[in-house]
């Protein structure tokens, strides 16, 4: 598991860990039942406090992404991928609603906005 921590982005380290692990789970790189590194091992690898990794793992567990079994470790929880997809779709809709509001106020047509979205989506 490759987690990259940046001190320059203004996001707390535990949130960086949480979001990267979530992305690995959502993308399928980590699957249900896969073991995560122990909190101590991850802290040592990232050269951060165990308290920081504990906070990240606690957040992931509260959100249902991982489960911790005492004496065995933390594992990717079995989740319905459709639930994850729906959650991400809802987040995307929120951002797109903001973009549509800005476009309407600025006189940007739906076609122009769709062209920009397609270009961004395709990575051009």
Protein backbone atom coordinates (compact mmCIF):
# COMPACT_ATOMS: atom_id res chain seq x y z
CA UNK A 1 0.00 0.00 0.00
CA UNK A 2 1.55 3.24 -1.17
CA UNK A 3 0.41 6.26 0.83
CA UNK A 4 1.95 9.65 0.16
CA UNK A 5 1.86 12.35 2.83
CA UNK A 6 2.28 16.02 1.99
CA UNK A 7 2.84 18.75 4.57
CA UNK A 8 2.20 21.46 2.01
CA UNK A 9 -1.43 20.82 1.05
CA UNK A 10 -2.98 22.09 4.27
CA UNK A 11 -4.93 18.89 4.91
CA UNK A 12 -4.32 17.02 8.19
CA UNK A 13 -2.19 13.91 7.82
CA UNK A 14 -4.88 11.60 9.21
CA UNK A 15 -7.32 12.90 6.55
CA UNK A 16 -4.73 12.29 3.83
CA UNK A 17 -4.34 8.69 5.01
CA UNK A 18 -8.10 8.22 5.30
CA UNK A 19 -8.87 9.56 1.83
CA UNK A 20 -6.08 7.57 0.15
CA UNK A 21 -7.19 4.31 1.77
CA UNK A 22 -10.82 5.04 0.82
CA UNK A 23 -9.72 5.63 -2.77
CA UNK A 24 -7.81 2.33 -2.80
CA UNK A 25 -10.91 0.52 -1.55
CA UNK A 26 -13.34 2.27 -3.91
CA UNK A 27 -11.07 1.71 -6.91
CA UNK A 28 -10.78 -1.99 -6.10
CA UNK A 29 -7.04 -1.95 -5.37
CA UNK A 30 -7.92 -3.09 -1.85
CA UNK A 31 -10.63 -5.73 -1.66
CA UNK A 32 -12.87 -6.98 1.15
CA UNK A 33 -10.81 -9.00 3.61
CA UNK A 34 -7.45 -7.52 2.61
CA UNK A 35 -5.27 -6.80 5.63
CA UNK A 36 -4.06 -3.26 6.25
CA UNK A 37 -0.67 -2.61 7.80
CA UNK A 38 -0.75 -2.34 11.58
CA UNK A 39 -1.05 1.18 12.95
CA UNK A 40 2.52 0.97 14.24
CA UNK A 41 3.90 -0.29 10.95
CA UNK A 42 2.11 2.39 8.94
CA UNK A 43 3.26 5.09 11.38
CA UNK A 44 6.85 3.85 11.12
CA UNK A 45 6.71 3.65 7.30
CA UNK A 46 5.28 7.17 7.01
CA UNK A 47 7.44 8.53 9.86
CA UNK A 48 4.44 9.87 11.73
CA UNK A 49 2.84 9.37 15.12
CA UNK A 50 0.90 6.19 15.91
CA UNK A 51 -1.82 8.51 17.24
CA UNK A 52 -2.23 9.90 13.70
CA UNK A 53 -2.62 6.44 12.14
CA UNK A 54 -5.00 5.47 14.95
CA UNK A 55 -7.18 8.49 14.14
CA UNK A 56 -7.22 7.58 10.43
CA UNK A 57 -8.10 3.93 11.13
CA UNK A 58 -10.81 4.97 13.62
CA UNK A 59 -12.38 7.27 11.01
CA UNK A 60 -12.26 4.52 8.38
CA UNK A 61 -13.86 2.07 10.79
CA UNK A 62 -16.62 4.51 11.76
CA UNK A 63 -17.42 5.04 8.09
CA UNK A 64 -17.55 1.28 7.51
CA UNK A 65 -14.53 1.01 5.21
CA UNK A 66 -12.48 -1.18 7.52
CA UNK A 67 -13.03 -3.45 10.49
CA UNK A 68 -10.58 -4.14 13.28
CA UNK A 69 -10.35 -7.50 14.96
CA UNK A 70 -8.58 -7.41 18.30
CA UNK A 71 -5.34 -9.35 18.16
CA UNK A 72 -5.52 -9.84 14.39
CA UNK A 73 -5.47 -6.36 12.85
CA UNK A 74 -7.48 -4.18 10.53
CA UNK A 75 -9.08 -5.44 7.34
CA UNK A 76 -11.05 -3.99 4.46
CA UNK A 77 -14.72 -4.40 5.33
CA UNK A 78 -17.11 -6.21 3.02
CA UNK A 79 -19.13 -3.37 1.55
CA UNK A 80 -21.66 -3.15 -1.14
CA UNK A 81 -19.84 -1.44 -4.03
CA UNK A 82 -23.15 -0.05 -5.24
CA UNK A 83 -23.53 1.88 -1.97
CA UNK A 84 -20.06 3.34 -2.44
CA UNK A 85 -20.85 4.22 -6.05
CA UNK A 86 -24.10 5.94 -5.06
CA UNK A 87 -22.28 7.96 -2.40
CA UNK A 88 -19.71 9.10 -4.93
CA UNK A 89 -22.43 9.92 -7.44
CA UNK A 90 -24.15 12.10 -4.83
CA UNK A 91 -20.88 13.97 -4.19
CA UNK A 92 -20.36 14.45 -7.94
CA UNK A 93 -23.91 15.79 -8.27
CA UNK A 94 -23.22 18.35 -5.54
CA UNK A 95 -20.15 19.63 -7.38
CA UNK A 96 -21.95 19.64 -10.72
CA UNK A 97 -24.84 21.60 -9.21
CA UNK A 98 -22.37 24.29 -8.16
CA UNK A 99 -20.82 24.29 -11.63
CA UNK A 100 -24.25 24.65 -13.27
CA UNK A 101 -25.13 27.56 -10.96
CA UNK A 102 -21.89 29.35 -11.87
CA UNK A 103 -22.40 28.63 -15.58
CA UNK A 104 -25.95 30.00 -15.54
CA UNK A 105 -24.89 33.20 -13.75
CA UNK A 106 -22.03 33.65 -16.20
CA UNK A 107 -24.03 33.04 -19.37
CA UNK A 108 -22.19 29.80 -20.18
CA UNK A 109 -24.42 27.55 -22.25
CA UNK A 110 -25.21 23.95 -21.37
CA UNK A 111 -23.36 22.84 -24.50
CA UNK A 112 -20.23 24.75 -23.47
CA UNK A 113 -20.39 23.32 -19.96
CA UNK A 114 -20.90 19.80 -21.34
CA UNK A 115 -17.90 20.27 -23.64
CA UNK A 116 -15.74 21.29 -20.68
CA UNK A 117 -16.99 18.35 -18.62
CA UNK A 118 -16.32 15.90 -21.45
CA UNK A 119 -12.84 17.34 -21.95
CA UNK A 120 -12.07 17.05 -18.23
CA UNK A 121 -13.53 13.56 -17.99
CA UNK A 122 -11.53 12.36 -20.98
CA UNK A 123 -8.36 13.94 -19.56
CA UNK A 124 -7.68 16.17 -22.53
